[in-house]
Amino acid sequence: MADRRRYCYVSGLRLGVPGLEELCAQGRPPSLVVSYNAELAHRCGYADFDSLTRRLGLPHLRTADINSDEARDALSTHGIDLMVVAGWSQLIPEQLLDSLPLGGVGLHPSPLPVGRGRAPIPWTILRDMRSSAVTLFHLNHEADSGDIVDQLWFDVAPDVTATGLYDRVARLQAELLVRHLDDLLDGTAPRRPQTGHVSVWPRRRPCDGLLDFTASGADVDRMVRALADPYPGAFARFGGAHITLCGGTLTDAVVGGAPGQIVSAGPRKEWGVTCGDGTVFVPDALRVDEGVRAEPTSLAMFRPGASFDVPSPHMLTSARPGAVPHPSPDGDSLLRA
């Protein structure tokens, strides 16, 4: 029966690319790929699936709305039985799921029911989690709440960046899909209700990446790692310029100054910025305003003794989201990465 069933693959993000490639490599290509159109190219992690689907010889629809008439017509035209969602920032409407004989499944990079909601990859780092999971689950009318098909747990390194975690999650998603696609198309895939502690992680906005250099170095470093590519980045103001710290290292081997002050951190004009506990964050790449990434030593404006602008208390308060409860690994996406 699996050979007679047809599925579509829905993703607008780089997070979904490895899964599509692996399914095709395993001889299980979708009958239709749905991805974001150029209107949504500003989304974090946006991927243009056009060249990939042409290379793989797959029918492809680009849209900003999975519930559009165009999308519904494409699902009908291609005889889709099952929808597989691997990175899509829109709730799949219940009526659309009900119109498909096998409904839909989604992937979410958290150990559901812990971590429902937005920005699971940055939140995993910001909350200093040491383990997490990728969850494959049946879609229903409520975001990230459907019955679980399977979960893959993994360790989270203490120095992980969003870039590295994003890539790892993408590979685990591919593994889950290959493992369960035939059962899903047969209608025999496992399903167990989500049980245990439920937490919903809130949406993050670009302004939430504002750095407070009166905080500890560990907090500054964690923010920079959590908002690394493909996310907007952690930032501060320097002489009115918007400075995004794209990466770096934390050290206590350099003598710091006052919080936010630049100090010399090496023989080749390396510099760092002092944090509230006296440790120094040494950037290895940054952006000025909307510019391209640059080597910190190439910019003369960052001279030792100068200081980053002090943000107002109002800015700091608005940039700090509320506390989120910590999960328990045995506690028992939508799909916004």
C-alpha atoms as a PDB file:
ATOM      1  CA  MET A   1       0.000   0.000   0.000  1.00  0.00           C
ATOM      2  CA  ALA A   2       2.872   2.386   0.725  1.00  0.00           C
ATOM      3  CA  ASP A   3       3.809   2.414  -2.968  1.00  0.00           C
ATOM      4  CA  ARG A   4       0.319   3.632  -3.857  1.00  0.00           C
ATOM      5  CA  ARG A   5       0.326   6.456  -1.326  1.00  0.00           C
ATOM      6  CA  ARG A   6       1.653   9.880  -2.193  1.00  0.00           C
ATOM      7  CA  TYR A   7       3.073  12.546   0.085  1.00  0.00           C
ATOM      8  CA  CYS A   8       4.120  16.167  -0.226  1.00  0.00           C
ATOM      9  CA  TYR A   9       7.121  17.694   1.501  1.00  0.00           C
ATOM     10  CA  VAL A  10       6.575  21.162   2.980  1.00  0.00           C
ATOM     11  CA  SER A  11       9.545  23.304   4.045  1.00  0.00           C
ATOM     12  CA  GLY A  12      10.738  26.825   3.496  1.00  0.00           C
ATOM     13  CA  LEU A  13      13.925  26.516   5.548  1.00  0.00           C
ATOM     14  CA  ARG A  14      17.439  25.136   5.249  1.00  0.00           C
ATOM     15  CA  LEU A  15      16.389  22.917   8.142  1.00  0.00           C
ATOM     16  CA  GLY A  16      14.353  20.868   5.681  1.00  0.00           C
ATOM     17  CA  VAL A  17      16.930  20.432   2.921  1.00  0.00           C
ATOM     18  CA  PRO A  18      18.783  17.351   4.293  1.00  0.00           C
ATOM     19  CA  GLY A  19      15.513  15.507   4.850  1.00  0.00           C
ATOM     20  CA  LEU A  20      14.383  16.011   1.264  1.00  0.00           C
ATOM     21  CA  GLU A  21      17.777  15.021  -0.105  1.00  0.00           C
ATOM     22  CA  GLU A  22      17.923  11.871   2.034  1.00  0.00           C
ATOM     23  CA  LEU A  23      14.399  10.760   1.177  1.00  0.00           C
ATOM     24  CA  CYS A  24      15.232  11.058  -2.511  1.00  0.00           C
ATOM     25  CA  ALA A  25      18.544   9.246  -2.023  1.00  0.00           C
ATOM     26  CA  GLN A  26      16.618   6.392  -0.376  1.00  0.00           C
ATOM     27  CA  GLY A  27      14.265   6.133  -3.353  1.00  0.00           C
ATOM     28  CA  ARG A  28      11.298   7.679  -1.502  1.00  0.00           C
ATOM     29  CA  PRO A  29      10.834  11.064  -3.237  1.00  0.00           C
ATOM     30  CA  PRO A  30       7.726  13.153  -2.542  1.00  0.00           C
ATOM     31  CA  SER A  31       5.122  13.707  -5.237  1.00  0.00           C
ATOM     32  CA  LEU A  32       5.186  17.458  -4.545  1.00  0.00           C
ATOM     33  CA  VAL A  33       7.436  19.931  -2.733  1.00  0.00           C
ATOM     34  CA  VAL A  34       5.947  23.111  -1.259  1.00  0.00           C
ATOM     35  CA  SER A  35       8.330  25.887  -0.200  1.00  0.00           C
ATOM     36  CA  TYR A  36       8.319  29.603   0.555  1.00  0.00           C
ATOM     37  CA  ASN A  37       8.272  32.080  -2.276  1.00  0.00           C
ATOM     38  CA  ALA A  38      10.662  35.024  -2.495  1.00  0.00           C
ATOM     39  CA  GLU A  39       8.226  37.186  -0.528  1.00  0.00           C
ATOM     40  CA  LEU A  40       9.361  35.339   2.621  1.00  0.00           C
ATOM     41  CA  ALA A  41      13.093  35.394   1.912  1.00  0.00           C
ATOM     42  CA  HIS A  42      13.594  37.519   5.044  1.00  0.00           C
ATOM     43  CA  ARG A  43      12.693  34.560   7.295  1.00  0.00           C
ATOM     44  CA  CYS A  44      15.533  33.157   9.405  1.00  0.00           C
ATOM     45  CA  GLY A  45      17.007  30.141   7.645  1.00  0.00           C
ATOM     46  CA  TYR A  46      15.084  30.740   4.410  1.00  0.00           C
ATOM     47  CA  ALA A  47      15.976  28.305   1.639  1.00  0.00           C
ATOM     48  CA  ASP A  48      15.158  28.558  -2.055  1.00  0.00           C
ATOM     49  CA  PHE A  49      14.198  24.997  -3.004  1.00  0.00           C
ATOM     50  CA  ASP A  50      13.918  25.789  -6.706  1.00  0.00           C
ATOM     51  CA  SER A  51      17.352  24.597  -7.835  1.00  0.00           C
ATOM     52  CA  LEU A  52      17.174  21.543  -5.555  1.00  0.00           C
ATOM     53  CA  THR A  53      13.778  20.416  -6.849  1.00  0.00           C
ATOM     54  CA  ARG A  54      14.851  20.971 -10.447  1.00  0.00           C
ATOM     55  CA  ARG A  55      17.959  18.862  -9.871  1.00  0.00           C
ATOM     56  CA  LEU A  56      15.880  16.119  -8.274  1.00  0.00           C
ATOM     57  CA  GLY A  57      13.126  16.349 -10.892  1.00  0.00           C
ATOM     58  CA  LEU A  58      10.367  17.060  -8.364  1.00  0.00           C
ATOM     59  CA  PRO A  59       7.154  19.068  -8.860  1.00  0.00           C
ATOM     60  CA  HIS A  60       7.499  22.280  -6.857  1.00  0.00           C
ATOM     61  CA  LEU A  61       5.107  24.960  -5.654  1.00  0.00           C
ATOM     62  CA  ARG A  62       6.333  28.202  -4.064  1.00  0.00           C
ATOM     63  CA  THR A  63       3.826  29.986  -1.850  1.00  0.00           C
ATOM     64  CA  ALA A  64       3.526  32.245   1.184  1.00  0.00           C
ATOM     65  CA  ASP A  65       0.300  30.560   2.318  1.00  0.00           C
ATOM     66  CA  ILE A  66      -0.137  26.803   2.645  1.00  0.00           C
ATOM     67  CA  ASN A  67      -3.910  27.350   2.795  1.00  0.00           C
ATOM     68  CA  SER A  68      -4.130  29.251  -0.499  1.00  0.00           C
ATOM     69  CA  ASP A  69      -6.341  28.019  -3.328  1.00  0.00           C
ATOM     70  CA  GLU A  70      -3.182  27.441  -5.341  1.00  0.00           C
ATOM     71  CA  ALA A  71      -1.737  25.151  -2.658  1.00  0.00           C
ATOM     72  CA  ARG A  72      -4.989  23.243  -2.206  1.00  0.00           C
ATOM     73  CA  ASP A  73      -5.286  22.738  -5.956  1.00  0.00           C
ATOM     74  CA  ALA A  74      -1.713  21.433  -6.136  1.00  0.00           C
ATOM     75  CA  LEU A  75      -2.373  18.907  -3.361  1.00  0.00           C
ATOM     76  CA  SER A  76      -5.448  17.699  -5.193  1.00  0.00           C
ATOM     77  CA  THR A  77      -3.776  17.608  -8.611  1.00  0.00           C
ATOM     78  CA  HIS A  78      -0.917  15.471  -7.310  1.00  0.00           C
ATOM     79  CA  GLY A  79      -3.200  13.157  -5.342  1.00  0.00           C
ATOM     80  CA  ILE A  80      -1.505  13.847  -2.009  1.00  0.00           C
ATOM     81  CA  ASP A  81      -2.433  11.527   0.866  1.00  0.00           C
ATOM     82  CA  LEU A  82       0.042  12.737   3.510  1.00  0.00           C
ATOM     83  CA  MET A  83       1.660  16.091   4.267  1.00  0.00           C
ATOM     84  CA  VAL A  84       5.163  16.086   5.797  1.00  0.00           C
ATOM     85  CA  VAL A  85       6.086  19.464   7.295  1.00  0.00           C
ATOM     86  CA  ALA A  86       9.782  20.055   7.988  1.00  0.00           C
ATOM     87  CA  GLY A  87      10.082  23.783   8.698  1.00  0.00           C
ATOM     88  CA  TRP A  88       7.083  26.031   8.106  1.00  0.00           C
ATOM     89  CA  SER A  89       6.083  29.064  10.186  1.00  0.00           C
ATOM     90  CA  GLN A  90       2.360  28.772   9.623  1.00  0.00           C
ATOM     91  CA  LEU A  91      -0.137  26.589  11.431  1.00  0.00           C
ATOM     92  CA  ILE A  92      -1.523  24.010   9.026  1.00  0.00           C
ATOM     93  CA  PRO A  93      -5.330  24.539   9.023  1.00  0.00           C
ATOM     94  CA  GLU A  94      -7.419  21.710  10.424  1.00  0.00           C
ATOM     95  CA  GLN A  95      -9.641  21.720   7.336  1.00  0.00           C
ATOM     96  CA  LEU A  96      -6.603  21.160   5.119  1.00  0.00           C
ATOM     97  CA  LEU A  97      -5.375  18.258   7.255  1.00  0.00           C
ATOM     98  CA  ASP A  98      -8.851  16.724   7.238  1.00  0.00           C
ATOM     99  CA  SER A  99      -8.892  16.845   3.440  1.00  0.00           C
ATOM    100  CA  LEU A 100      -5.874  14.522   3.238  1.00  0.00           C
ATOM    101  CA  PRO A 101      -6.525  10.787   3.694  1.00  0.00           C
ATOM    102  CA  LEU A 102      -3.499  10.390   5.997  1.00  0.00           C
ATOM    103  CA  GLY A 103      -3.438  13.898   7.464  1.00  0.00           C
ATOM    104  CA  GLY A 104      -0.040  15.365   8.244  1.00  0.00           C
ATOM    105  CA  VAL A 105       3.060  15.010  10.375  1.00  0.00           C
ATOM    106  CA  GLY A 106       5.526  17.622  11.526  1.00  0.00           C
ATOM    107  CA  LEU A 107       9.011  17.879  12.965  1.00  0.00           C
ATOM    108  CA  HIS A 108       9.915  20.046  15.941  1.00  0.00           C
ATOM    109  CA  PRO A 109      13.417  20.470  17.435  1.00  0.00           C
ATOM    110  CA  SER A 110      12.479  20.039  21.078  1.00  0.00           C
ATOM    111  CA  PRO A 111      11.412  17.134  23.324  1.00  0.00           C
ATOM    112  CA  LEU A 112       7.664  17.749  23.070  1.00  0.00           C
ATOM    113  CA  PRO A 113       5.628  18.516  25.092  1.00  0.00           C
ATOM    114  CA  VAL A 114       8.531  20.569  26.426  1.00  0.00           C
ATOM    115  CA  GLY A 115       9.353  23.450  24.111  1.00  0.00           C
ATOM    116  CA  ARG A 116       6.195  23.949  22.125  1.00  0.00           C
ATOM    117  CA  GLY A 117       6.114  27.237  20.302  1.00  0.00           C
ATOM    118  CA  ARG A 118       8.678  29.477  18.723  1.00  0.00           C
ATOM    119  CA  ALA A 119      12.451  29.586  18.283  1.00  0.00           C
ATOM    120  CA  PRO A 120      13.266  26.179  19.808  1.00  0.00           C
ATOM    121  CA  ILE A 121      16.900  26.177  18.672  1.00  0.00           C
ATOM    122  CA  PRO A 122      17.847  29.545  20.252  1.00  0.00           C
ATOM    123  CA  TRP A 123      15.857  28.697  23.374  1.00  0.00           C
ATOM    124  CA  THR A 124      17.687  25.383  23.755  1.00  0.00           C
ATOM    125  CA  ILE A 125      20.964  27.317  24.042  1.00  0.00           C
ATOM    126  CA  LEU A 126      19.620  30.248  26.049  1.00  0.00           C
ATOM    127  CA  ARG A 127      18.235  27.848  28.646  1.00  0.00           C
ATOM    128  CA  ASP A 128      21.582  26.031  28.785  1.00  0.00           C
ATOM    129  CA  MET A 129      20.043  22.627  28.112  1.00  0.00           C
ATOM    130  CA  ARG A 130      22.431  19.671  28.125  1.00  0.00           C
ATOM    131  CA  SER A 131      20.129  17.340  26.213  1.00  0.00           C
ATOM    132  CA  SER A 132      17.255  17.781  23.813  1.00  0.00           C
ATOM    133  CA  ALA A 133      15.362  15.882  21.141  1.00  0.00           C
ATOM    134  CA  VAL A 134      13.851  16.164  17.705  1.00  0.00           C
ATOM    135  CA  THR A 135      10.203  15.098  17.682  1.00  0.00           C
ATOM    136  CA  LEU A 136       8.182  13.669  14.798  1.00  0.00           C
ATOM    137  CA  PHE A 137       4.485  14.067  15.575  1.00  0.00           C
ATOM    138  CA  HIS A 138       1.033  13.941  14.045  1.00  0.00           C
ATOM    139  CA  LEU A 139      -0.343  17.378  13.211  1.00  0.00           C
ATOM    140  CA  ASN A 140      -3.653  18.519  14.651  1.00  0.00           C
ATOM    141  CA  HIS A 141      -5.514  21.782  15.183  1.00  0.00           C
ATOM    142  CA  GLU A 142      -3.215  23.008  17.984  1.00  0.00           C
ATOM    143  CA  ALA A 143       0.427  23.887  17.439  1.00  0.00           C
ATOM    144  CA  ASP A 144       2.923  21.184  18.467  1.00  0.00           C
ATOM    145  CA  SER A 145       0.386  19.193  20.500  1.00  0.00           C
ATOM    146  CA  GLY A 146      -0.284  16.117  18.350  1.00  0.00           C
ATOM    147  CA  ASP A 147       0.504  12.501  19.160  1.00  0.00           C
ATOM    148  CA  ILE A 148       4.186  11.594  18.961  1.00  0.00           C
ATOM    149  CA  VAL A 149       5.517   9.186  16.344  1.00  0.00           C
ATOM    150  CA  ASP A 150       9.103   9.143  17.607  1.00  0.00           C
ATOM    151  CA  GLN A 151      11.822  11.230  19.234  1.00  0.00           C
ATOM    152  CA  LEU A 152      15.586  11.246  18.800  1.00  0.00           C
ATOM    153  CA  TRP A 153      17.441  12.468  21.881  1.00  0.00           C
ATOM    154  CA  PHE A 154      20.908  13.978  21.689  1.00  0.00           C
ATOM    155  CA  ASP A 155      23.445  15.684  23.941  1.00  0.00           C
ATOM    156  CA  VAL A 156      23.931  19.442  23.681  1.00  0.00           C
ATOM    157  CA  ALA A 157      27.549  20.570  24.038  1.00  0.00           C
ATOM    158  CA  PRO A 158      28.127  23.492  26.442  1.00  0.00           C
ATOM    159  CA  ASP A 159      29.766  25.556  23.671  1.00  0.00           C
ATOM    160  CA  VAL A 160      27.268  24.731  20.916  1.00  0.00           C
ATOM    161  CA  THR A 161      26.234  27.523  18.550  1.00  0.00           C
ATOM    162  CA  ALA A 162      22.882  27.937  16.832  1.00  0.00           C
ATOM    163  CA  THR A 163      24.655  27.205  13.546  1.00  0.00           C
ATOM    164  CA  GLY A 164      25.918  23.832  14.745  1.00  0.00           C
ATOM    165  CA  LEU A 165      22.675  22.916  16.488  1.00  0.00           C
ATOM    166  CA  TYR A 166      20.663  23.863  13.399  1.00  0.00           C
ATOM    167  CA  ASP A 167      22.745  21.547  11.224  1.00  0.00           C
ATOM    168  CA  ARG A 168      22.496  18.691  13.712  1.00  0.00           C
ATOM    169  CA  VAL A 169      18.733  19.028  14.026  1.00  0.00           C
ATOM    170  CA  ALA A 170      18.413  19.002  10.235  1.00  0.00           C
ATOM    171  CA  ARG A 171      20.278  15.674  10.042  1.00  0.00           C
ATOM    172  CA  LEU A 172      18.202  14.135  12.830  1.00  0.00           C
ATOM    173  CA  GLN A 173      15.013  15.222  11.093  1.00  0.00           C
ATOM    174  CA  ALA A 174      16.180  13.398   7.981  1.00  0.00           C
ATOM    175  CA  GLU A 175      16.882  10.268  10.037  1.00  0.00           C
ATOM    176  CA  LEU A 176      13.414  10.295  11.603  1.00  0.00           C
ATOM    177  CA  LEU A 177      11.679  10.715   8.256  1.00  0.00           C
ATOM    178  CA  VAL A 178      13.581   7.905   6.575  1.00  0.00           C
ATOM    179  CA  ARG A 179      12.896   5.645   9.561  1.00  0.00           C
ATOM    180  CA  HIS A 180       9.123   6.209   9.597  1.00  0.00           C
ATOM    181  CA  LEU A 181       7.969   7.267   6.132  1.00  0.00           C
ATOM    182  CA  ASP A 182       6.771   3.832   5.017  1.00  0.00           C
ATOM    183  CA  ASP A 183       4.818   3.309   8.233  1.00  0.00           C
ATOM    184  CA  LEU A 184       3.284   6.752   7.878  1.00  0.00           C
ATOM    185  CA  LEU A 185       2.188   6.005   4.329  1.00  0.00           C
ATOM    186  CA  ASP A 186       0.828   2.628   5.445  1.00  0.00           C
ATOM    187  CA  GLY A 187      -1.135   4.331   8.214  1.00  0.00           C
ATOM    188  CA  THR A 188       0.607   2.146  10.794  1.00  0.00           C
ATOM    189  CA  ALA A 189       3.051   4.661  12.298  1.00  0.00           C
ATOM    190  CA  PRO A 190       3.211   4.783  16.110  1.00  0.00           C
ATOM    191  CA  ARG A 191       1.277   7.425  17.952  1.00  0.00           C
ATOM    192  CA  ARG A 192       1.334   8.143  21.642  1.00  0.00           C
ATOM    193  CA  PRO A 193      -0.209  11.153  23.344  1.00  0.00           C
ATOM    194  CA  GLN A 194       2.092  13.818  24.685  1.00  0.00           C
ATOM    195  CA  THR A 195       2.271  13.488  28.457  1.00  0.00           C
ATOM    196  CA  GLY A 196       4.052  15.217  31.307  1.00  0.00           C
ATOM    197  CA  HIS A 197       5.077  18.821  31.766  1.00  0.00           C
ATOM    198  CA  VAL A 198       4.023  21.160  28.945  1.00  0.00           C
ATOM    199  CA  SER A 199       6.028  24.309  28.292  1.00  0.00           C
ATOM    200  CA  VAL A 200       5.544  26.855  25.538  1.00  0.00           C
ATOM    201  CA  TRP A 201       8.603  28.823  24.495  1.00  0.00           C
ATOM    202  CA  PRO A 202       7.773  32.397  23.499  1.00  0.00           C
ATOM    203  CA  ARG A 203       8.460  34.130  20.244  1.00  0.00           C
ATOM    204  CA  ARG A 204      11.776  35.942  19.912  1.00  0.00           C
ATOM    205  CA  ARG A 205      12.194  39.173  17.993  1.00  0.00           C
ATOM    206  CA  PRO A 206      15.433  40.651  16.619  1.00  0.00           C
ATOM    207  CA  CYS A 207      15.417  43.288  19.374  1.00  0.00           C
ATOM    208  CA  ASP A 208      15.586  40.504  21.982  1.00  0.00           C
ATOM    209  CA  GLY A 209      19.214  40.024  20.952  1.00  0.00           C
ATOM    210  CA  LEU A 210      20.344  43.253  22.660  1.00  0.00           C
ATOM    211  CA  LEU A 211      23.416  42.524  24.780  1.00  0.00           C
ATOM    212  CA  ASP A 212      23.857  43.811  28.309  1.00  0.00           C
ATOM    213  CA  PHE A 213      27.574  43.920  29.089  1.00  0.00           C
ATOM    214  CA  THR A 214      26.865  44.344  32.816  1.00  0.00           C
ATOM    215  CA  ALA A 215      25.769  40.691  32.720  1.00  0.00           C
ATOM    216  CA  SER A 216      28.210  37.866  33.284  1.00  0.00           C
ATOM    217  CA  GLY A 217      30.499  36.762  30.489  1.00  0.00           C
ATOM    218  CA  ALA A 218      28.724  33.395  30.390  1.00  0.00           C
ATOM    219  CA  ASP A 219      25.424  35.162  29.702  1.00  0.00           C
ATOM    220  CA  VAL A 220      26.945  37.300  26.951  1.00  0.00           C
ATOM    221  CA  ASP A 221      28.613  34.286  25.353  1.00  0.00           C
ATOM    222  CA  ARG A 222      25.387  32.267  25.543  1.00  0.00           C
ATOM    223  CA  MET A 223      23.409  35.013  23.812  1.00  0.00           C
ATOM    224  CA  VAL A 224      25.956  35.281  21.002  1.00  0.00           C
ATOM    225  CA  ARG A 225      25.963  31.511  20.458  1.00  0.00           C
ATOM    226  CA  ALA A 226      22.155  31.247  20.586  1.00  0.00           C
ATOM    227  CA  LEU A 227      21.607  33.896  17.927  1.00  0.00           C
ATOM    228  CA  ALA A 228      24.352  32.887  15.486  1.00  0.00           C
ATOM    229  CA  ASP A 229      23.529  32.211  11.837  1.00  0.00           C
ATOM    230  CA  PRO A 230      20.823  31.681  10.612  1.00  0.00           C
ATOM    231  CA  TYR A 231      19.368  33.921  13.325  1.00  0.00           C
ATOM    232  CA  PRO A 232      19.667  37.741  13.409  1.00  0.00           C
ATOM    233  CA  GLY A 233      22.536  37.817  15.903  1.00  0.00           C
ATOM    234  CA  ALA A 234      23.284  39.322  19.297  1.00  0.00           C
ATOM    235  CA  PHE A 235      24.043  43.028  19.091  1.00  0.00           C
ATOM    236  CA  ALA A 236      25.089  46.147  20.934  1.00  0.00           C
ATOM    237  CA  ARG A 237      25.500  49.820  20.045  1.00  0.00           C
ATOM    238  CA  PHE A 238      28.849  51.511  19.580  1.00  0.00           C
ATOM    239  CA  GLY A 239      28.893  55.221  18.803  1.00  0.00           C
ATOM    240  CA  GLY A 240      25.344  54.845  17.543  1.00  0.00           C
ATOM    241  CA  ALA A 241      26.279  52.023  15.140  1.00  0.00           C
ATOM    242  CA  HIS A 242      24.511  48.665  15.337  1.00  0.00           C
ATOM    243  CA  ILE A 243      27.217  46.050  16.032  1.00  0.00           C
ATOM    244  CA  THR A 244      26.299  42.378  15.653  1.00  0.00           C
ATOM    245  CA  LEU A 245      28.676  39.930  17.310  1.00  0.00           C
ATOM    246  CA  CYS A 246      28.624  36.894  15.022  1.00  0.00           C
ATOM    247  CA  GLY A 247      30.854  34.697  17.172  1.00  0.00           C
ATOM    248  CA  GLY A 248      33.763  34.700  19.571  1.00  0.00           C
ATOM    249  CA  THR A 249      35.245  33.263  22.725  1.00  0.00           C
ATOM    250  CA  LEU A 250      35.111  34.071  26.408  1.00  0.00           C
ATOM    251  CA  THR A 251      38.347  34.387  28.368  1.00  0.00           C
ATOM    252  CA  ASP A 252      39.471  35.229  31.877  1.00  0.00           C
ATOM    253  CA  ALA A 253      43.116  35.391  30.784  1.00  0.00           C
ATOM    254  CA  VAL A 254      42.771  39.038  29.703  1.00  0.00           C
ATOM    255  CA  VAL A 255      42.535  41.884  32.216  1.00  0.00           C
ATOM    256  CA  GLY A 256      39.178  43.574  31.747  1.00  0.00           C
ATOM    257  CA  GLY A 257      38.008  47.099  32.381  1.00  0.00           C
ATOM    258  CA  ALA A 258      34.577  48.475  33.168  1.00  0.00           C
ATOM    259  CA  PRO A 259      31.570  46.607  31.748  1.00  0.00           C
ATOM    260  CA  GLY A 260      31.276  47.350  28.035  1.00  0.00           C
ATOM    261  CA  GLN A 261      34.848  48.668  27.758  1.00  0.00           C
ATOM    262  CA  ILE A 262      37.159  47.472  25.005  1.00  0.00           C
ATOM    263  CA  VAL A 263      40.513  46.036  26.065  1.00  0.00           C
ATOM    264  CA  SER A 264      43.497  44.668  24.183  1.00  0.00           C
ATOM    265  CA  ALA A 265      43.306  40.889  23.844  1.00  0.00           C
ATOM    266  CA  GLY A 266      46.240  39.841  21.674  1.00  0.00           C
ATOM    267  CA  PRO A 267      49.346  40.835  19.737  1.00  0.00           C
ATOM    268  CA  ARG A 268      47.632  41.432  16.383  1.00  0.00           C
ATOM    269  CA  LYS A 269      45.202  44.137  17.454  1.00  0.00           C
ATOM    270  CA  GLU A 270      42.790  41.552  18.841  1.00  0.00           C
ATOM    271  CA  TRP A 271      40.373  43.164  21.244  1.00  0.00           C
ATOM    272  CA  GLY A 272      37.622  42.106  23.578  1.00  0.00           C
ATOM    273  CA  VAL A 273      34.766  43.683  25.471  1.00  0.00           C
ATOM    274  CA  THR A 274      34.581  43.484  29.242  1.00  0.00           C
ATOM    275  CA  CYS A 275      31.585  41.792  30.844  1.00  0.00           C
ATOM    276  CA  GLY A 276      30.035  42.435  34.232  1.00  0.00           C
ATOM    277  CA  ASP A 277      32.039  39.771  36.058  1.00  0.00           C
ATOM    278  CA  GLY A 278      35.378  40.957  34.664  1.00  0.00           C
ATOM    279  CA  THR A 279      35.690  38.274  31.983  1.00  0.00           C
ATOM    280  CA  VAL A 280      36.292  39.396  28.418  1.00  0.00           C
ATOM    281  CA  PHE A 281      34.419  38.367  25.289  1.00  0.00           C
ATOM    282  CA  VAL A 282      36.735  38.330  22.255  1.00  0.00           C
ATOM    283  CA  PRO A 283      34.774  38.496  18.976  1.00  0.00           C
ATOM    284  CA  ASP A 284      36.030  36.631  15.925  1.00  0.00           C
ATOM    285  CA  ALA A 285      33.553  38.159  13.464  1.00  0.00           C
ATOM    286  CA  LEU A 286      31.059  40.992  13.519  1.00  0.00           C
ATOM    287  CA  ARG A 287      28.812  43.146  11.361  1.00  0.00           C
ATOM    288  CA  VAL A 288      28.492  46.930  11.471  1.00  0.00           C
ATOM    289  CA  ASP A 289      24.930  48.064  10.808  1.00  0.00           C
ATOM    290  CA  GLU A 290      23.715  45.905   7.899  1.00  0.00           C
ATOM    291  CA  GLY A 291      27.172  45.247   6.494  1.00  0.00           C
ATOM    292  CA  VAL A 292      28.847  41.965   5.675  1.00  0.00           C
ATOM    293  CA  ARG A 293      30.813  40.028   8.283  1.00  0.00           C
ATOM    294  CA  ALA A 294      34.177  41.566   9.075  1.00  0.00           C
ATOM    295  CA  GLU A 295      37.288  40.686  11.023  1.00  0.00           C
ATOM    296  CA  PRO A 296      37.196  42.682  14.278  1.00  0.00           C
ATOM    297  CA  THR A 297      40.876  43.671  13.929  1.00  0.00           C
ATOM    298  CA  SER A 298      40.169  45.325  10.571  1.00  0.00           C
ATOM    299  CA  LEU A 299      38.050  48.074  12.133  1.00  0.00           C
ATOM    300  CA  ALA A 300      40.008  50.880  13.795  1.00  0.00           C
ATOM    301  CA  MET A 301      36.940  52.226  15.585  1.00  0.00           C
ATOM    302  CA  PHE A 302      37.281  49.502  18.229  1.00  0.00           C
ATOM    303  CA  ARG A 303      40.300  50.824  20.077  1.00  0.00           C
ATOM    304  CA  PRO A 304      41.178  49.836  23.656  1.00  0.00           C
ATOM    305  CA  GLY A 305      39.715  52.231  26.183  1.00  0.00           C
ATOM    306  CA  ALA A 306      36.578  52.965  24.170  1.00  0.00           C
ATOM    307  CA  SER A 307      33.243  51.637  25.364  1.00  0.00           C
ATOM    308  CA  PHE A 308      30.057  50.282  23.896  1.00  0.00           C
ATOM    309  CA  ASP A 309      27.013  52.476  24.384  1.00  0.00           C
ATOM    310  CA  VAL A 310      25.082  51.851  27.592  1.00  0.00           C
ATOM    311  CA  PRO A 311      21.534  50.749  26.710  1.00  0.00           C
ATOM    312  CA  SER A 312      18.692  52.395  28.547  1.00  0.00           C
ATOM    313  CA  PRO A 313      16.916  50.362  31.260  1.00  0.00           C
ATOM    314  CA  HIS A 314      13.789  50.447  29.079  1.00  0.00           C
ATOM    315  CA  MET A 315      15.641  48.792  26.190  1.00  0.00           C
ATOM    316  CA  LEU A 316      17.068  46.097  28.446  1.00  0.00           C
ATOM    317  CA  THR A 317      13.681  45.353  30.026  1.00  0.00           C
ATOM    318  CA  SER A 318      11.934  45.045  26.658  1.00  0.00           C
ATOM    319  CA  ALA A 319      14.669  42.744  25.370  1.00  0.00           C
ATOM    320  CA  ARG A 320      14.386  40.261  28.232  1.00  0.00           C
ATOM    321  CA  PRO A 321      11.633  37.678  27.698  1.00  0.00           C
ATOM    322  CA  GLY A 322       9.942  36.066  30.659  1.00  0.00           C
ATOM    323  CA  ALA A 323      11.394  33.045  32.385  1.00  0.00           C
ATOM    324  CA  VAL A 324      10.638  29.640  30.914  1.00  0.00           C
ATOM    325  CA  PRO A 325      10.476  26.506  33.107  1.00  0.00           C
ATOM    326  CA  HIS A 326      13.253  23.974  32.730  1.00  0.00           C
ATOM    327  CA  PRO A 327      12.332  20.612  31.209  1.00  0.00           C
ATOM    328  CA  SER A 328      12.823  17.131  32.522  1.00  0.00           C
ATOM    329  CA  PRO A 329      14.195  14.613  29.994  1.00  0.00           C
ATOM    330  CA  ASP A 330      11.685  12.004  31.180  1.00  0.00           C
ATOM    331  CA  GLY A 331       8.822  14.477  31.217  1.00  0.00           C
ATOM    332  CA  ASP A 332       6.366  13.100  29.488  1.00  0.00           C
ATOM    333  CA  SER A 333       6.236  23.065  15.769  1.00  0.00           C
ATOM    334  CA  LEU A 334       4.561  24.758  15.467  1.00  0.00           C
ATOM    335  CA  LEU A 335       7.458  24.124  13.162  1.00  0.00           C
ATOM    336  CA  ARG A 336       9.205  27.397  13.654  1.00  0.00           C
ATOM    337  CA  ALA A 337      12.909  26.887  13.810  1.00  0.00           C
END
